[in-house]
């Protein structure tokens, strides 16, 4: 699957940093503060993307969920949990 890069700015300082997880890996959300309502949720990596400076981010979803939905048009899958950094997730089972 081709990596998707959104909103690149001139910095791009993190483009050389590889993704630590791959599509199909089962991960668990790590709480980033005391009020994190997503702590402990386990989902699969369904996409590897980057933010504006190239930082690796992950899109999470249920097993078998595609990053894009198709039909008469192709669009981003809004049944996913997008934009989590490596610091916000931990590997449970590698694909």
C-alpha atoms as a PDB file:
ATOM      1  CA  UNK A   1       0.000   0.000   0.000  1.00  0.00           C
ATOM      2  CA  UNK A   2       1.324   3.429  -0.919  1.00  0.00           C
ATOM      3  CA  UNK A   3       2.035   5.762   1.987  1.00  0.00           C
ATOM      4  CA  UNK A   4      -0.107   8.894   1.991  1.00  0.00           C
ATOM      5  CA  UNK A   5       1.407  12.259   2.921  1.00  0.00           C
ATOM      6  CA  UNK A   6      -0.930  15.197   3.637  1.00  0.00           C
ATOM      7  CA  UNK A   7      -0.314  18.950   3.802  1.00  0.00           C
ATOM      8  CA  UNK A   8       3.439  18.953   3.428  1.00  0.00           C
ATOM      9  CA  UNK A   9       5.129  22.143   4.505  1.00  0.00           C
ATOM     10  CA  UNK A  10       8.705  23.158   3.685  1.00  0.00           C
ATOM     11  CA  UNK A  11      10.081  21.701   6.936  1.00  0.00           C
ATOM     12  CA  UNK A  12       9.501  18.008   6.187  1.00  0.00           C
ATOM     13  CA  UNK A  13      11.981  17.219   8.959  1.00  0.00           C
ATOM     14  CA  UNK A  14      10.449  13.867   9.833  1.00  0.00           C
ATOM     15  CA  UNK A  15      10.068  12.363   6.356  1.00  0.00           C
ATOM     16  CA  UNK A  16      13.085  10.125   6.894  1.00  0.00           C
ATOM     17  CA  UNK A  17      11.611   8.610  10.062  1.00  0.00           C
ATOM     18  CA  UNK A  18       9.996   5.262   9.190  1.00  0.00           C
ATOM     19  CA  UNK A  19       6.664   4.064  10.551  1.00  0.00           C
ATOM     20  CA  UNK A  20       7.132   1.750  13.539  1.00  0.00           C
ATOM     21  CA  UNK A  21       3.881  -0.155  12.890  1.00  0.00           C
ATOM     22  CA  UNK A  22       2.397  -1.551   9.698  1.00  0.00           C
ATOM     23  CA  UNK A  23      -1.077  -2.058   8.302  1.00  0.00           C
ATOM     24  CA  UNK A  24      -2.652  -5.069   9.997  1.00  0.00           C
ATOM     25  CA  UNK A  25      -0.874  -4.681  13.354  1.00  0.00           C
ATOM     26  CA  UNK A  26      -3.109  -4.847  16.432  1.00  0.00           C
ATOM     27  CA  UNK A  27      -2.372  -1.899  18.741  1.00  0.00           C
ATOM     28  CA  UNK A  28      -3.707  -0.484  21.992  1.00  0.00           C
ATOM     29  CA  UNK A  29      -4.303   3.203  22.652  1.00  0.00           C
ATOM     30  CA  UNK A  30      -2.126   4.579  25.448  1.00  0.00           C
ATOM     31  CA  UNK A  31      -3.767   7.363  27.490  1.00  0.00           C
ATOM     32  CA  UNK A  32      -2.152  10.730  26.794  1.00  0.00           C
ATOM     33  CA  UNK A  33      -3.772  12.378  29.834  1.00  0.00           C
ATOM     34  CA  UNK A  34      -5.976  11.489  32.813  1.00  0.00           C
ATOM     35  CA  UNK A  35      -9.171  12.204  30.872  1.00  0.00           C
ATOM     36  CA  UNK A  36      -8.339  10.118  27.793  1.00  0.00           C
ATOM     37  CA  UNK A  37     -11.551   8.286  26.931  1.00  0.00           C
ATOM     38  CA  UNK A  38      -9.793   6.033  24.411  1.00  0.00           C
ATOM     39  CA  UNK A  39      -7.317   4.444  26.833  1.00  0.00           C
ATOM     40  CA  UNK A  40      -7.054   0.693  26.382  1.00  0.00           C
ATOM     41  CA  UNK A  41      -9.009   0.483  23.131  1.00  0.00           C
ATOM     42  CA  UNK A  42      -7.518  -2.128  20.808  1.00  0.00           C
ATOM     43  CA  UNK A  43      -7.806  -1.584  17.079  1.00  0.00           C
ATOM     44  CA  UNK A  44      -5.918  -2.494  13.912  1.00  0.00           C
ATOM     45  CA  UNK A  45      -3.660  -0.184  11.944  1.00  0.00           C
ATOM     46  CA  UNK A  46      -5.545   0.386   8.670  1.00  0.00           C
ATOM     47  CA  UNK A  47      -3.341   3.165   7.326  1.00  0.00           C
ATOM     48  CA  UNK A  48       0.070   4.781   7.708  1.00  0.00           C
ATOM     49  CA  UNK A  49       0.041   8.514   6.988  1.00  0.00           C
ATOM     50  CA  UNK A  50       2.106  11.596   7.885  1.00  0.00           C
ATOM     51  CA  UNK A  51       1.301  15.035   9.221  1.00  0.00           C
ATOM     52  CA  UNK A  52       2.447  18.365   7.766  1.00  0.00           C
ATOM     53  CA  UNK A  53       6.069  18.004   8.928  1.00  0.00           C
ATOM     54  CA  UNK A  54       6.317  14.339   7.976  1.00  0.00           C
ATOM     55  CA  UNK A  55       5.752  12.802  11.421  1.00  0.00           C
ATOM     56  CA  UNK A  56       4.454   9.224  11.077  1.00  0.00           C
ATOM     57  CA  UNK A  57       0.799   8.872  12.112  1.00  0.00           C
ATOM     58  CA  UNK A  58      -1.581   5.923  12.159  1.00  0.00           C
ATOM     59  CA  UNK A  59      -5.202   5.410  11.213  1.00  0.00           C
ATOM     60  CA  UNK A  60      -6.912   2.754  13.348  1.00  0.00           C
ATOM     61  CA  UNK A  61     -10.054   0.741  12.692  1.00  0.00           C
ATOM     62  CA  UNK A  62     -11.734  -2.627  13.042  1.00  0.00           C
ATOM     63  CA  UNK A  63     -10.071  -5.646  11.436  1.00  0.00           C
ATOM     64  CA  UNK A  64     -10.792  -5.671   7.728  1.00  0.00           C
ATOM     65  CA  UNK A  65     -11.699  -1.984   7.557  1.00  0.00           C
ATOM     66  CA  UNK A  66     -10.245  -0.259   4.507  1.00  0.00           C
ATOM     67  CA  UNK A  67      -8.645   3.189   4.689  1.00  0.00           C
ATOM     68  CA  UNK A  68     -10.841   4.300   1.794  1.00  0.00           C
ATOM     69  CA  UNK A  69     -14.401   3.315   0.953  1.00  0.00           C
ATOM     70  CA  UNK A  70     -15.290   2.870  -2.687  1.00  0.00           C
ATOM     71  CA  UNK A  71     -18.501   2.943  -4.652  1.00  0.00           C
ATOM     72  CA  UNK A  72     -19.418   5.397  -7.356  1.00  0.00           C
ATOM     73  CA  UNK A  73     -16.701   7.573  -5.751  1.00  0.00           C
ATOM     74  CA  UNK A  74     -13.760   6.910  -3.440  1.00  0.00           C
ATOM     75  CA  UNK A  75     -13.655   8.663  -0.078  1.00  0.00           C
ATOM     76  CA  UNK A  76     -11.881   8.517   3.259  1.00  0.00           C
ATOM     77  CA  UNK A  77     -13.382   5.981   5.663  1.00  0.00           C
ATOM     78  CA  UNK A  78     -14.992   7.954   8.481  1.00  0.00           C
ATOM     79  CA  UNK A  79     -15.487   4.771  10.520  1.00  0.00           C
ATOM     80  CA  UNK A  80     -11.808   4.971  11.421  1.00  0.00           C
ATOM     81  CA  UNK A  81      -9.820   6.591  14.213  1.00  0.00           C
ATOM     82  CA  UNK A  82      -7.232   8.770  12.413  1.00  0.00           C
ATOM     83  CA  UNK A  83      -4.080  10.650  13.303  1.00  0.00           C
ATOM     84  CA  UNK A  84      -2.515   8.829  16.251  1.00  0.00           C
ATOM     85  CA  UNK A  85       1.225   9.130  16.825  1.00  0.00           C
ATOM     86  CA  UNK A  86       3.595   6.348  17.864  1.00  0.00           C
ATOM     87  CA  UNK A  87       3.547   7.736  21.410  1.00  0.00           C
ATOM     88  CA  UNK A  88      -0.229   7.190  21.635  1.00  0.00           C
ATOM     89  CA  UNK A  89      -0.263   3.492  20.728  1.00  0.00           C
ATOM     90  CA  UNK A  90       1.585   0.280  21.616  1.00  0.00           C
ATOM     91  CA  UNK A  91       1.882  -2.944  19.683  1.00  0.00           C
ATOM     92  CA  UNK A  92      -0.195  -5.890  20.890  1.00  0.00           C
ATOM     93  CA  UNK A  93       0.230  -8.281  17.938  1.00  0.00           C
ATOM     94  CA  UNK A  94       2.198  -7.873  14.740  1.00  0.00           C
ATOM     95  CA  UNK A  95       0.470  -8.697  11.456  1.00  0.00           C
END
